[in-house]
N, C-alpha and C. Protein backbone atom coordinates (compact mmCIF):
# COMPACT_ATOMS: atom_id res chain seq x y z
N MET A 1 -149.43 -73.95 -23.59
CA MET A 1 -147.54 -73.95 -23.52
C MET A 1 -147.08 -74.48 -24.09
N ALA A 2 -145.84 -73.90 -25.01
CA ALA A 2 -144.89 -73.86 -25.50
C ALA A 2 -144.29 -75.15 -25.56
N PRO A 3 -143.42 -76.21 -25.84
CA PRO A 3 -143.02 -77.63 -25.04
C PRO A 3 -141.39 -76.74 -25.24
N ILE A 4 -140.23 -77.33 -24.39
CA ILE A 4 -139.52 -76.95 -23.34
C ILE A 4 -138.58 -77.43 -24.22
N ARG A 5 -137.62 -77.01 -25.50
CA ARG A 5 -136.60 -77.77 -26.03
C ARG A 5 -135.12 -78.16 -25.87
N GLN A 6 -135.10 -76.22 -24.74
CA GLN A 6 -133.99 -75.71 -24.64
C GLN A 6 -133.96 -75.36 -23.27
N PHE A 7 -132.94 -74.87 -22.69
CA PHE A 7 -133.09 -74.86 -21.25
C PHE A 7 -133.04 -72.94 -21.28
N GLU A 8 -133.02 -72.47 -22.84
CA GLU A 8 -133.16 -71.00 -22.65
C GLU A 8 -135.16 -70.41 -22.59
N ASP A 9 -135.46 -72.28 -22.84
CA ASP A 9 -137.17 -71.63 -23.15
C ASP A 9 -137.73 -71.67 -21.52
N ILE A 10 -137.15 -72.18 -20.58
CA ILE A 10 -137.78 -72.21 -19.23
C ILE A 10 -137.49 -70.55 -18.43
N ILE A 11 -139.36 -70.14 -18.25
CA ILE A 11 -138.85 -68.26 -17.42
C ILE A 11 -138.36 -68.67 -16.54
N ALA A 12 -137.90 -69.66 -15.43
CA ALA A 12 -136.75 -69.54 -14.61
C ALA A 12 -135.76 -69.12 -15.05
N TRP A 13 -134.85 -69.93 -15.69
CA TRP A 13 -133.57 -69.70 -16.21
C TRP A 13 -133.83 -68.31 -16.97
N GLN A 14 -135.21 -67.47 -17.65
CA GLN A 14 -134.61 -66.23 -18.01
C GLN A 14 -135.03 -65.14 -17.32
N LYS A 15 -135.53 -65.65 -16.21
CA LYS A 15 -135.92 -64.08 -15.07
C LYS A 15 -134.28 -64.33 -14.63
N ALA A 16 -133.93 -65.39 -13.96
CA ALA A 16 -132.57 -65.90 -13.38
C ALA A 16 -131.96 -64.94 -14.10
N LYS A 17 -131.24 -64.79 -15.59
CA LYS A 17 -130.22 -64.47 -16.38
C LYS A 17 -130.70 -62.94 -16.00
N LEU A 18 -131.84 -62.14 -16.11
CA LEU A 18 -132.63 -60.89 -15.93
C LEU A 18 -132.13 -60.13 -14.65
N LEU A 19 -132.19 -61.11 -13.93
CA LEU A 19 -131.50 -60.75 -12.82
C LEU A 19 -130.53 -60.60 -12.19
N THR A 20 -129.36 -61.91 -12.45
CA THR A 20 -128.08 -61.65 -13.42
C THR A 20 -127.39 -60.52 -13.85
N THR A 21 -128.39 -60.21 -14.72
CA THR A 21 -127.66 -58.54 -15.33
C THR A 21 -127.76 -57.49 -14.47
N GLU A 22 -128.96 -57.48 -13.52
CA GLU A 22 -129.37 -56.15 -12.73
C GLU A 22 -127.89 -56.43 -11.86
N ILE A 23 -127.81 -57.46 -11.35
CA ILE A 23 -127.40 -57.98 -9.94
C ILE A 23 -125.37 -57.33 -10.54
N TYR A 24 -125.44 -57.47 -11.70
CA TYR A 24 -123.84 -57.11 -12.33
C TYR A 24 -124.09 -55.76 -12.21
N SER A 25 -124.84 -55.04 -12.84
CA SER A 25 -125.26 -53.26 -12.97
C SER A 25 -124.83 -52.80 -11.65
N VAL A 26 -126.08 -53.15 -10.68
CA VAL A 26 -126.15 -52.22 -9.31
C VAL A 26 -124.68 -52.88 -8.67
N CYS A 27 -123.95 -53.68 -8.68
CA CYS A 27 -122.98 -53.89 -8.28
C CYS A 27 -121.49 -53.14 -8.68
N LYS A 28 -121.31 -52.69 -9.72
CA LYS A 28 -120.35 -52.25 -10.69
C LYS A 28 -119.37 -51.62 -9.95
N ASN A 29 -119.99 -50.62 -9.60
CA ASN A 29 -119.44 -49.47 -8.08
C ASN A 29 -119.17 -50.00 -6.63
N ILE A 30 -119.19 -51.10 -6.40
CA ILE A 30 -119.09 -51.50 -4.71
C ILE A 30 -117.99 -51.89 -4.87
N LYS A 31 -117.19 -51.64 -4.14
CA LYS A 31 -115.11 -51.76 -3.70
C LYS A 31 -115.32 -52.78 -3.08
N GLU A 32 -116.39 -53.34 -1.62
CA GLU A 32 -116.12 -54.80 -1.42
C GLU A 32 -115.80 -55.61 -2.26
N TYR A 33 -114.72 -56.11 -3.38
CA TYR A 33 -114.61 -57.08 -3.63
C TYR A 33 -115.24 -57.98 -2.82
N SER A 34 -115.25 -59.36 -2.24
CA SER A 34 -115.69 -60.05 -1.21
C SER A 34 -117.24 -60.22 -1.22
N TYR A 35 -117.89 -58.45 -1.14
CA TYR A 35 -119.49 -58.90 -1.07
C TYR A 35 -119.66 -59.40 -2.48
N ARG A 36 -119.44 -58.07 -3.59
CA ARG A 36 -119.71 -58.36 -4.89
C ARG A 36 -118.92 -59.61 -5.61
N ASP A 37 -118.50 -60.00 -5.71
CA ASP A 37 -118.09 -61.57 -6.08
C ASP A 37 -118.93 -62.43 -5.63
N GLN A 38 -119.40 -62.60 -4.49
CA GLN A 38 -120.39 -63.34 -3.76
C GLN A 38 -121.64 -63.36 -4.37
N ILE A 39 -121.92 -62.31 -4.03
CA ILE A 39 -124.05 -62.04 -4.54
C ILE A 39 -123.85 -61.60 -6.35
N GLN A 40 -122.45 -62.11 -7.60
CA GLN A 40 -122.79 -62.13 -8.31
C GLN A 40 -122.57 -63.42 -8.93
N ARG A 41 -121.31 -64.29 -8.01
CA ARG A 41 -121.90 -65.72 -8.26
C ARG A 41 -122.84 -66.56 -7.96
N ALA A 42 -123.22 -65.75 -7.20
CA ALA A 42 -124.97 -66.21 -6.62
C ALA A 42 -125.95 -66.43 -7.57
N SER A 43 -126.30 -65.72 -7.70
CA SER A 43 -127.09 -65.15 -8.78
C SER A 43 -126.54 -65.78 -10.36
N VAL A 44 -125.17 -65.65 -10.72
CA VAL A 44 -125.04 -66.63 -12.30
C VAL A 44 -125.60 -68.01 -10.81
N SER A 45 -125.39 -68.32 -10.64
CA SER A 45 -125.57 -69.80 -10.00
C SER A 45 -127.17 -70.42 -10.38
N ILE A 46 -127.62 -69.21 -9.51
CA ILE A 46 -129.33 -69.54 -10.83
C ILE A 46 -129.28 -69.86 -11.65
N MET A 47 -129.25 -69.18 -12.19
CA MET A 47 -129.58 -69.85 -14.03
C MET A 47 -128.57 -70.73 -14.35
N ASN A 48 -127.38 -71.37 -14.22
CA ASN A 48 -126.54 -72.04 -14.06
C ASN A 48 -127.21 -73.57 -13.22
N ASN A 49 -127.84 -73.43 -12.67
CA ASN A 49 -127.73 -74.57 -12.13
C ASN A 49 -129.45 -75.43 -12.98
N VAL A 50 -130.18 -73.92 -13.16
CA VAL A 50 -131.51 -74.52 -14.29
C VAL A 50 -130.79 -74.64 -15.39
N ALA A 51 -130.08 -74.69 -16.06
CA ALA A 51 -129.54 -74.96 -17.33
C ALA A 51 -128.58 -76.23 -17.52
N GLU A 52 -128.07 -76.50 -16.39
CA GLU A 52 -127.09 -77.39 -15.83
C GLU A 52 -128.51 -79.05 -15.35
N GLY A 53 -129.21 -78.90 -14.42
CA GLY A 53 -130.27 -79.56 -14.26
C GLY A 53 -130.87 -79.67 -15.69
N PHE A 54 -131.35 -79.01 -16.78
CA PHE A 54 -132.37 -79.64 -18.06
C PHE A 54 -131.42 -80.42 -19.09
N GLU A 55 -130.11 -79.91 -18.49
CA GLU A 55 -128.80 -80.64 -19.77
C GLU A 55 -128.98 -82.42 -19.55
N ARG A 56 -129.19 -82.54 -18.21
CA ARG A 56 -129.12 -84.31 -17.80
C ARG A 56 -130.19 -84.63 -18.03
N ARG A 57 -131.25 -84.61 -18.55
CA ARG A 57 -132.36 -84.97 -18.74
C ARG A 57 -132.98 -86.12 -18.43
N SER A 58 -132.78 -85.87 -17.26
CA SER A 58 -133.64 -86.90 -16.19
C SER A 58 -134.32 -85.80 -15.37
N ASN A 59 -135.55 -86.39 -15.12
CA ASN A 59 -136.30 -85.51 -14.21
C ASN A 59 -135.54 -85.55 -12.72
N LYS A 60 -135.30 -86.62 -11.92
CA LYS A 60 -134.97 -86.56 -11.48
C LYS A 60 -133.30 -85.38 -10.85
N GLU A 61 -132.71 -85.55 -11.73
CA GLU A 61 -131.63 -84.64 -11.62
C GLU A 61 -131.53 -83.38 -11.69
N PHE A 62 -132.41 -83.22 -12.69
CA PHE A 62 -132.98 -81.87 -13.02
C PHE A 62 -134.33 -81.38 -11.31
N LYS A 63 -134.66 -81.92 -10.88
CA LYS A 63 -135.08 -81.68 -9.60
C LYS A 63 -134.24 -81.04 -9.01
N GLN A 64 -133.16 -82.10 -8.77
CA GLN A 64 -132.22 -81.85 -7.21
C GLN A 64 -131.76 -80.54 -8.08
N PHE A 65 -131.25 -80.53 -9.39
CA PHE A 65 -130.67 -79.11 -9.84
C PHE A 65 -131.12 -77.51 -9.16
N LEU A 66 -132.49 -77.88 -9.65
CA LEU A 66 -133.64 -76.61 -9.74
C LEU A 66 -133.57 -76.29 -7.48
N PHE A 67 -133.27 -77.36 -7.27
CA PHE A 67 -133.37 -77.28 -5.99
C PHE A 67 -132.03 -76.48 -5.02
N ILE A 68 -130.95 -76.97 -6.30
CA ILE A 68 -129.93 -75.81 -5.83
C ILE A 68 -130.12 -74.28 -6.32
N ALA A 69 -130.91 -74.50 -7.35
CA ALA A 69 -130.92 -72.81 -7.81
C ALA A 69 -131.64 -71.87 -7.44
N LYS A 70 -132.84 -72.77 -6.17
CA LYS A 70 -134.00 -72.02 -5.16
C LYS A 70 -133.08 -71.51 -3.92
N CYS A 71 -131.83 -72.87 -3.34
CA CYS A 71 -130.88 -71.94 -2.77
C CYS A 71 -130.07 -70.67 -3.08
N SER A 72 -129.23 -70.87 -3.81
CA SER A 72 -128.68 -69.70 -4.57
C SER A 72 -129.60 -68.27 -5.08
N CYS A 73 -130.84 -68.61 -4.84
CA CYS A 73 -131.95 -67.88 -4.82
C CYS A 73 -131.97 -67.08 -3.41
N GLY A 74 -132.09 -67.83 -2.52
CA GLY A 74 -132.25 -67.65 -1.40
C GLY A 74 -130.63 -66.55 -0.61
N GLU A 75 -129.45 -67.20 -1.06
CA GLU A 75 -128.58 -66.48 -1.00
C GLU A 75 -128.29 -65.36 -1.71
N VAL A 76 -128.68 -65.29 -3.25
CA VAL A 76 -129.00 -63.62 -3.34
C VAL A 76 -129.90 -62.70 -2.61
N ARG A 77 -131.08 -63.24 -2.45
CA ARG A 77 -132.10 -62.57 -0.98
C ARG A 77 -131.16 -62.22 0.17
N SER A 78 -130.48 -63.18 1.35
CA SER A 78 -129.44 -62.81 2.02
C SER A 78 -128.46 -61.82 1.41
N MET A 79 -128.11 -61.96 0.46
CA MET A 79 -126.43 -60.62 0.19
C MET A 79 -127.22 -59.72 -0.29
N LEU A 80 -128.25 -59.24 -0.61
CA LEU A 80 -129.34 -58.14 -1.25
C LEU A 80 -129.49 -57.29 0.49
N ARG A 81 -130.88 -58.38 1.22
CA ARG A 81 -130.83 -57.95 2.97
C ARG A 81 -129.46 -56.85 3.55
N LEU A 82 -127.98 -58.00 3.32
CA LEU A 82 -127.18 -56.91 3.98
C LEU A 82 -126.77 -55.72 3.35
N SER A 83 -127.01 -55.75 1.97
CA SER A 83 -126.65 -54.70 1.09
C SER A 83 -126.92 -54.02 1.09
N GLY A 84 -128.55 -54.26 1.88
CA GLY A 84 -129.61 -52.95 2.60
C GLY A 84 -128.78 -52.25 3.45
N ASP A 85 -128.34 -52.95 5.08
CA ASP A 85 -127.84 -52.52 5.85
C ASP A 85 -126.18 -52.08 5.56
N LEU A 86 -125.69 -52.27 4.46
CA LEU A 86 -124.34 -51.84 4.50
C LEU A 86 -124.34 -50.53 3.39
N ALA A 87 -125.48 -49.99 3.24
CA ALA A 87 -126.02 -48.98 2.11
C ALA A 87 -125.12 -49.53 0.93
N TYR A 88 -125.02 -50.42 0.22
CA TYR A 88 -123.82 -50.82 -0.78
C TYR A 88 -125.03 -50.63 -2.36
N ILE A 89 -126.31 -50.59 -2.23
CA ILE A 89 -127.36 -50.86 -2.95
C ILE A 89 -128.08 -50.08 -2.65
N GLU A 90 -128.94 -48.66 -3.65
CA GLU A 90 -130.06 -47.94 -3.01
C GLU A 90 -131.25 -48.59 -2.23
N SER A 91 -132.05 -48.56 -1.35
CA SER A 91 -133.29 -49.33 -0.83
C SER A 91 -133.77 -49.63 -1.32
N GLN A 92 -134.34 -48.96 -2.37
CA GLN A 92 -135.70 -49.11 -3.21
C GLN A 92 -134.98 -49.96 -4.53
N LYS A 93 -133.80 -49.85 -4.81
CA LYS A 93 -133.43 -51.42 -5.94
C LYS A 93 -133.12 -52.83 -5.68
N CYS A 94 -132.70 -52.43 -4.09
CA CYS A 94 -132.46 -53.23 -3.12
C CYS A 94 -134.28 -54.55 -3.57
N GLU A 95 -134.92 -53.54 -2.87
CA GLU A 95 -136.50 -53.76 -2.56
C GLU A 95 -136.45 -55.12 -4.10
N ASN A 96 -136.89 -53.94 -5.44
CA ASN A 96 -136.63 -54.61 -6.11
C ASN A 96 -136.20 -55.85 -6.77
N LEU A 97 -135.38 -55.42 -6.02
CA LEU A 97 -134.68 -56.52 -6.82
C LEU A 97 -135.29 -58.11 -5.80
N ILE A 98 -135.04 -58.13 -4.47
CA ILE A 98 -135.80 -58.96 -3.89
C ILE A 98 -136.91 -59.33 -3.94
N GLU A 99 -137.79 -58.79 -4.75
CA GLU A 99 -139.17 -59.09 -5.38
C GLU A 99 -138.46 -60.33 -6.21
N GLU A 100 -137.44 -59.91 -7.47
CA GLU A 100 -137.25 -60.78 -8.25
C GLU A 100 -136.94 -61.34 -8.01
N CYS A 101 -136.20 -61.89 -6.82
CA CYS A 101 -135.53 -63.34 -6.18
C CYS A 101 -137.11 -63.97 -6.00
N LEU A 102 -137.43 -63.31 -5.32
CA LEU A 102 -138.84 -64.20 -4.93
C LEU A 102 -139.91 -64.81 -5.71
N GLN A 103 -139.93 -63.73 -6.55
CA GLN A 103 -140.64 -64.59 -8.02
C GLN A 103 -139.67 -65.74 -8.71
N ILE A 104 -138.43 -65.34 -8.91
CA ILE A 104 -137.96 -66.54 -9.37
C ILE A 104 -137.83 -67.65 -8.81
N SER A 105 -137.80 -67.57 -6.96
CA SER A 105 -137.89 -68.87 -6.20
C SER A 105 -139.46 -68.94 -6.12
N ARG A 106 -140.66 -68.80 -6.53
CA ARG A 106 -141.74 -69.25 -6.82
C ARG A 106 -142.03 -70.52 -8.06
N THR A 107 -141.30 -69.70 -8.97
CA THR A 107 -140.99 -70.28 -10.55
C THR A 107 -140.39 -71.46 -10.04
N LEU A 108 -139.79 -71.55 -9.32
CA LEU A 108 -138.72 -72.59 -9.75
C LEU A 108 -140.13 -73.92 -8.69
N SER A 109 -139.97 -73.71 -7.64
CA SER A 109 -141.44 -74.24 -6.93
C SER A 109 -142.01 -74.81 -7.79
N GLY A 110 -143.06 -73.78 -8.66
CA GLY A 110 -144.00 -74.26 -9.48
C GLY A 110 -142.80 -75.52 -10.25
N LEU A 111 -141.91 -75.52 -10.93
CA LEU A 111 -141.25 -76.08 -11.65
C LEU A 111 -140.64 -77.23 -11.17
N ILE A 112 -141.01 -77.48 -9.91
CA ILE A 112 -140.73 -78.88 -9.60
C ILE A 112 -140.98 -79.55 -8.71
N LYS A 113 -142.65 -78.90 -8.65
CA LYS A 113 -143.89 -79.65 -8.04
C LYS A 113 -144.67 -80.37 -9.55
N LYS A 114 -144.21 -79.64 -10.80
CA LYS A 114 -144.61 -79.82 -11.74
C LYS A 114 -143.62 -81.15 -12.86
N LEU A 115 -142.78 -81.25 -12.01
CA LEU A 115 -141.47 -82.53 -12.03
C LEU A 115 -141.85 -83.96 -11.14
């Protein structure tokens, strides 16, 4: 495995960035501003907490930020479940995004254990 020199090398950050772009894409036509804003901010929080934690250069602080990123991942999943009930996002797309969130969460858990 190649060494991690910058946060962009972290798989969890890469996956979170892809999730964020997908969330922005599927939410662009949602008229409910508060829903759209919340899920977009939560998805951005995943990738930004990975980045910020890495830049702290302390494993203890990095782990703390990874836990926050994992929590934001749960928030996105929760919002996606709500979107299914409100018919904001097509159900199959919603399930695919939920699976991406679960994969990111597992990746973050693995990184936390490694630290």
